[in-house]
Amino acid sequence: MRRKTRPSSTRTSGSDGIDDTALEAKDIVGGYGKAVVVQGVSVRLGRKELVALVGPNGSGKSTLLKAIYGIATLFEGKVTWDGQDITRVGPEEKARLGIGYVPQVDNVFPDLTVSENLEMGSYFRRNKAEVQADIEQVCRVFPVLRERRAQMASTLSGGERQMLAIGRALMARPTALFLDEPTAALAPRMVAELFRRILAIRDAGVSILLVEQHAKKALEISDRGYVLVAGKIVLEGSGADILANEDLKRVFLGGK
């Protein structure tokens, strides 16, 4: 049975009572081809909020993210952005609306330099001065990219590539960012560093929907979280409350 923790913090509801939901996905049924992976899942992302999607391997976390964004098959459900129905809007148009997406793999152009990758992130922008200013801003968020600007992306470490991928997404000036397992296969030190940078991006005003295998660390920095098992949400609430809930242990330990 689906369990909820207490209501989340005021970060997702304005003090004047106005709903500040940025993106809402209702009753999402998604998968690949004819195979259903996600079964009737509903999630919400508030403005300037960090929301984590966690759960065991194969639980449907990445599929949910892709179905919402229009990369996986969306069989049923509705997606709204600032109250606008974008259910059938393609990924490129979602990017223009201000929703960025960083896939887990193949997320940089290996044969381009770091600078060229960042410039590619602003491909639909025309003001070159603003683009250069934003490159400088991205390099302030990820200082290592400044040191590597002339290097080919293929020469970067795994963590540096993920920083470049996120930086390139930021070049489109998104107001929301979908991150699909950004810390996968990274060393613990780099995982901690990347989480600090992700939190800084949230603090700068970008809403983030984060899919993560490092559940504890992701929930520690999140405003709210959803726990998926077998394509369904079994727990939701503030990050702190989910971490304190004994059901989380049973979810990840298969009922033990």
Protein backbone atom coordinates (compact mmCIF):
# COMPACT_ATOMS: atom_id res chain seq x y z
CA MET A 1 0.00 0.00 0.00
CA ARG A 2 1.21 3.48 -0.82
CA ARG A 3 2.40 5.36 2.24
CA LYS A 4 2.87 9.10 2.74
CA THR A 5 4.88 11.05 5.25
CA ARG A 6 3.75 14.35 6.68
CA PRO A 7 3.24 17.28 4.24
CA SER A 8 6.44 18.69 2.75
CA SER A 9 7.97 22.07 3.54
CA THR A 10 6.64 25.43 2.39
CA ARG A 11 9.15 25.45 -0.44
CA THR A 12 6.39 24.02 -2.68
CA SER A 13 3.50 26.17 -1.52
CA GLY A 14 3.58 29.94 -1.37
CA SER A 15 2.78 31.78 1.84
CA ASP A 16 -0.01 33.58 -0.02
CA GLY A 17 -1.70 30.26 -0.74
CA ILE A 18 -0.86 30.33 -4.46
CA ASP A 19 0.17 26.94 -5.84
CA ASP A 20 3.76 27.21 -7.06
CA THR A 21 3.86 23.85 -8.86
CA ALA A 22 6.11 24.09 -11.90
CA LEU A 23 5.65 20.63 -13.40
CA GLU A 24 3.04 17.99 -12.66
CA ALA A 25 2.78 14.51 -14.09
CA LYS A 26 -0.42 12.63 -13.35
CA ASP A 27 -1.19 8.91 -13.69
CA ILE A 28 1.83 8.24 -15.91
CA VAL A 29 1.94 4.85 -17.61
CA GLY A 30 5.18 4.52 -19.54
CA GLY A 31 7.67 2.10 -20.98
CA TYR A 32 9.33 1.01 -24.20
CA GLY A 33 7.61 -0.35 -27.27
CA LYS A 34 4.64 -2.27 -25.90
CA ALA A 35 6.28 -3.04 -22.55
CA VAL A 36 4.84 -1.13 -19.57
CA VAL A 37 7.40 -0.24 -16.88
CA VAL A 38 5.78 2.64 -14.97
CA GLN A 39 2.23 2.07 -13.76
CA GLY A 40 0.03 5.05 -12.96
CA VAL A 41 2.63 7.22 -11.25
CA SER A 42 2.00 10.86 -10.27
CA VAL A 43 4.77 13.30 -9.30
CA ARG A 44 5.01 17.03 -8.76
CA LEU A 45 7.94 19.45 -8.98
CA GLY A 46 7.66 22.87 -7.35
CA ARG A 47 9.49 26.01 -8.37
CA LYS A 48 13.03 26.17 -6.97
CA GLU A 49 12.59 22.68 -5.54
CA LEU A 50 14.83 19.61 -5.57
CA VAL A 51 12.85 16.36 -5.80
CA ALA A 52 14.52 12.93 -5.75
CA LEU A 53 13.24 9.78 -7.43
CA VAL A 54 14.83 6.79 -5.71
CA GLY A 55 14.28 3.06 -5.55
CA PRO A 56 15.87 -0.32 -6.31
CA ASN A 57 17.44 -1.08 -9.68
CA GLY A 58 14.76 -1.70 -12.29
CA SER A 59 12.07 0.14 -10.36
CA GLY A 60 11.26 2.47 -13.26
CA LYS A 61 12.91 5.69 -12.08
CA SER A 62 14.68 6.55 -15.33
CA THR A 63 11.75 5.32 -17.40
CA LEU A 64 9.44 7.70 -15.53
CA LEU A 65 11.79 10.61 -16.23
CA LYS A 66 12.03 9.68 -19.91
CA ALA A 67 8.28 9.18 -20.29
CA ILE A 68 7.59 12.62 -18.82
CA TYR A 69 10.19 14.21 -21.10
CA GLY A 70 8.97 12.40 -24.21
CA ILE A 71 11.86 10.00 -24.77
CA ALA A 72 10.24 6.76 -23.56
CA THR A 73 6.72 5.74 -24.62
CA LEU A 74 3.94 7.51 -22.72
CA PHE A 75 0.92 5.22 -22.90
CA GLU A 76 -1.33 7.14 -20.51
CA GLY A 77 -1.22 10.18 -18.26
CA LYS A 78 -0.92 13.94 -18.42
CA VAL A 79 2.03 16.31 -18.02
CA THR A 80 1.58 20.02 -17.32
CA TRP A 81 4.16 22.80 -17.15
CA ASP A 82 3.09 26.03 -15.44
CA GLY A 83 -0.47 24.82 -15.94
CA GLN A 84 0.02 24.22 -19.68
CA ASP A 85 -0.62 20.74 -21.08
CA ILE A 86 2.68 19.52 -22.59
CA THR A 87 1.86 15.81 -22.61
CA ARG A 88 2.51 15.43 -26.35
CA VAL A 89 5.16 18.14 -26.65
CA GLY A 90 8.48 16.77 -27.94
CA PRO A 91 11.82 16.95 -26.09
CA GLU A 92 13.21 19.82 -28.18
CA GLU A 93 10.15 21.97 -27.51
CA LYS A 94 10.30 21.08 -23.81
CA ALA A 95 13.86 22.40 -23.81
CA ARG A 96 12.66 25.66 -25.38
CA LEU A 97 9.99 25.91 -22.69
CA GLY A 98 12.71 25.80 -20.05
CA ILE A 99 12.95 22.12 -19.10
CA GLY A 100 16.45 20.68 -19.44
CA TYR A 101 17.33 16.99 -19.49
CA VAL A 102 20.69 15.32 -18.82
CA PRO A 103 20.78 11.59 -19.67
CA GLN A 104 22.94 9.16 -17.73
CA VAL A 105 25.17 8.21 -20.67
CA ASP A 106 26.17 9.66 -24.04
CA ASN A 107 25.55 13.13 -22.63
CA VAL A 108 28.52 15.01 -24.12
CA PHE A 109 30.02 15.37 -27.59
CA PRO A 110 33.35 13.55 -27.12
CA ASP A 111 34.96 14.99 -30.28
CA LEU A 112 34.27 18.61 -29.28
CA THR A 113 36.09 20.71 -26.71
CA VAL A 114 34.56 21.67 -23.39
CA SER A 115 33.87 25.18 -24.72
CA GLU A 116 32.29 23.82 -27.89
CA ASN A 117 30.07 21.50 -25.84
CA LEU A 118 28.87 24.43 -23.75
CA GLU A 119 28.18 26.47 -26.87
CA MET A 120 26.12 23.59 -28.26
CA GLY A 121 23.89 23.89 -25.22
CA SER A 122 22.88 27.37 -26.38
CA TYR A 123 22.20 26.40 -30.00
CA PHE A 124 18.81 28.16 -30.17
CA ARG A 125 20.05 31.38 -28.55
CA ARG A 126 21.19 34.29 -30.70
CA ASN A 127 22.82 36.78 -28.32
CA LYS A 128 26.51 35.78 -28.41
CA ALA A 129 27.49 38.13 -25.59
CA GLU A 130 24.92 36.55 -23.28
CA VAL A 131 26.08 33.08 -24.30
CA GLN A 132 29.68 33.92 -23.37
CA ALA A 133 28.54 35.41 -20.07
CA ASP A 134 26.62 32.21 -19.32
CA ILE A 135 29.68 30.09 -20.13
CA GLU A 136 31.53 32.10 -17.49
CA GLN A 137 28.68 31.49 -15.06
CA VAL A 138 28.74 27.74 -15.72
CA CYS A 139 32.49 27.78 -15.09
CA ARG A 140 31.85 29.43 -11.75
CA VAL A 141 29.46 26.62 -10.85
CA PHE A 142 31.93 24.00 -12.13
CA PRO A 143 35.44 25.54 -11.82
CA VAL A 144 37.14 22.47 -13.29
CA LEU A 145 35.48 23.23 -16.65
CA ARG A 146 37.36 26.53 -16.84
CA GLU A 147 40.63 24.64 -16.51
CA ARG A 148 39.53 22.17 -19.20
CA ARG A 149 37.91 24.56 -21.68
CA ALA A 150 40.31 23.76 -24.52
CA GLN A 151 40.34 20.00 -23.89
CA MET A 152 38.36 17.48 -25.86
CA ALA A 153 35.43 16.12 -23.88
CA SER A 154 36.70 12.60 -24.52
CA THR A 155 39.74 13.32 -22.30
CA LEU A 156 37.66 14.23 -19.23
CA SER A 157 37.14 11.98 -16.23
CA GLY A 158 33.69 10.53 -15.57
CA GLY A 159 32.85 13.18 -13.00
CA GLU A 160 34.09 15.99 -15.23
CA ARG A 161 31.94 14.69 -18.07
CA GLN A 162 28.87 14.77 -15.86
CA MET A 163 29.68 18.33 -14.84
CA LEU A 164 30.06 19.26 -18.50
CA ALA A 165 26.75 17.58 -19.36
CA ILE A 166 24.93 19.50 -16.62
CA GLY A 167 26.74 22.70 -17.58
CA ARG A 168 25.70 22.31 -21.19
CA ALA A 169 22.07 21.87 -20.10
CA LEU A 170 22.34 25.06 -18.03
CA MET A 171 23.40 26.97 -21.14
CA ALA A 172 19.78 26.83 -22.32
CA ARG A 173 18.81 28.79 -19.18
CA PRO A 174 16.34 26.18 -17.92
CA THR A 175 14.00 26.82 -15.03
CA ALA A 176 13.77 23.07 -14.41
CA LEU A 177 16.35 20.33 -14.89
CA PHE A 178 15.87 16.55 -15.18
CA LEU A 179 18.99 14.65 -14.06
CA ASP A 180 19.14 10.91 -14.77
CA GLU A 181 21.59 9.24 -12.35
CA PRO A 182 24.34 11.87 -12.64
CA THR A 183 26.57 10.13 -10.07
CA ALA A 184 26.46 6.63 -11.59
CA ALA A 185 29.86 4.87 -11.52
CA LEU A 186 31.61 7.85 -9.89
CA ALA A 187 34.07 7.66 -6.99
CA PRO A 188 32.66 8.64 -3.57
CA ARG A 189 34.61 11.91 -3.48
CA MET A 190 33.23 12.93 -6.87
CA VAL A 191 29.71 11.88 -5.85
CA ALA A 192 29.86 14.23 -2.87
CA GLU A 193 31.24 17.06 -5.02
CA LEU A 194 28.59 16.65 -7.69
CA PHE A 195 25.81 16.64 -5.09
CA ARG A 196 27.17 19.92 -3.70
CA ARG A 197 27.05 21.45 -7.18
CA ILE A 198 23.52 20.16 -7.81
CA LEU A 199 22.38 21.70 -4.54
CA ALA A 200 23.99 25.01 -5.55
CA ILE A 201 22.06 24.94 -8.84
CA ARG A 202 18.81 24.42 -6.90
CA ASP A 203 19.74 27.25 -4.57
CA ALA A 204 20.26 29.48 -7.61
CA GLY A 205 16.58 28.98 -8.51
CA VAL A 206 16.47 25.96 -10.86
CA SER A 207 13.92 23.23 -10.05
CA ILE A 208 15.51 19.78 -10.20
CA LEU A 209 13.99 16.34 -10.68
CA LEU A 210 16.76 13.92 -9.75
CA VAL A 211 16.90 10.17 -10.43
CA GLU A 212 19.52 8.58 -8.17
CA GLN A 213 20.88 5.22 -7.01
CA HIS A 214 22.60 6.91 -4.06
CA ALA A 215 19.23 7.14 -2.29
CA LYS A 216 20.42 8.30 1.13
CA LYS A 217 22.65 11.06 -0.22
CA ALA A 218 20.00 12.22 -2.70
CA LEU A 219 17.29 12.38 -0.03
CA GLU A 220 19.60 14.27 2.33
CA ILE A 221 19.80 17.20 -0.10
CA SER A 222 16.24 16.96 -1.44
CA ASP A 223 13.19 18.96 -0.44
CA ARG A 224 10.94 16.03 -1.26
CA GLY A 225 11.27 12.52 -2.59
CA TYR A 226 9.40 9.63 -4.15
CA VAL A 227 10.36 5.97 -3.69
CA LEU A 228 9.52 3.71 -6.63
CA VAL A 229 9.31 -0.07 -6.52
CA ALA A 230 8.22 -2.19 -9.50
CA GLY A 231 6.96 0.85 -11.39
CA LYS A 232 4.82 2.25 -8.59
CA ILE A 233 5.30 4.85 -5.85
CA VAL A 234 5.35 3.26 -2.40
CA LEU A 235 6.59 6.22 -0.33
CA GLU A 236 6.60 9.98 -0.76
CA GLY A 237 7.24 13.01 1.39
CA SER A 238 10.07 15.29 2.49
CA GLY A 239 13.56 13.91 2.08
CA ALA A 240 14.13 13.95 5.83
CA ASP A 241 10.89 12.15 6.60
CA ILE A 242 11.51 9.41 4.06
CA LEU A 243 14.96 8.81 5.53
CA ALA A 244 13.39 8.51 8.97
CA ASN A 245 10.71 6.08 7.80
CA GLU A 246 11.36 2.43 8.62
CA ASP A 247 9.40 1.43 5.51
CA LEU A 248 12.35 2.66 3.42
CA LYS A 249 14.53 -0.13 4.79
CA ARG A 250 11.91 -2.72 3.95
CA VAL A 251 11.58 -1.28 0.43
CA PHE A 252 15.29 -1.58 -0.29
CA LEU A 253 15.78 -4.85 1.55
CA GLY A 254 12.94 -6.65 -0.15
CA GLY A 255 10.62 -6.79 2.83
CA LYS A 256 13.21 -7.86 5.44
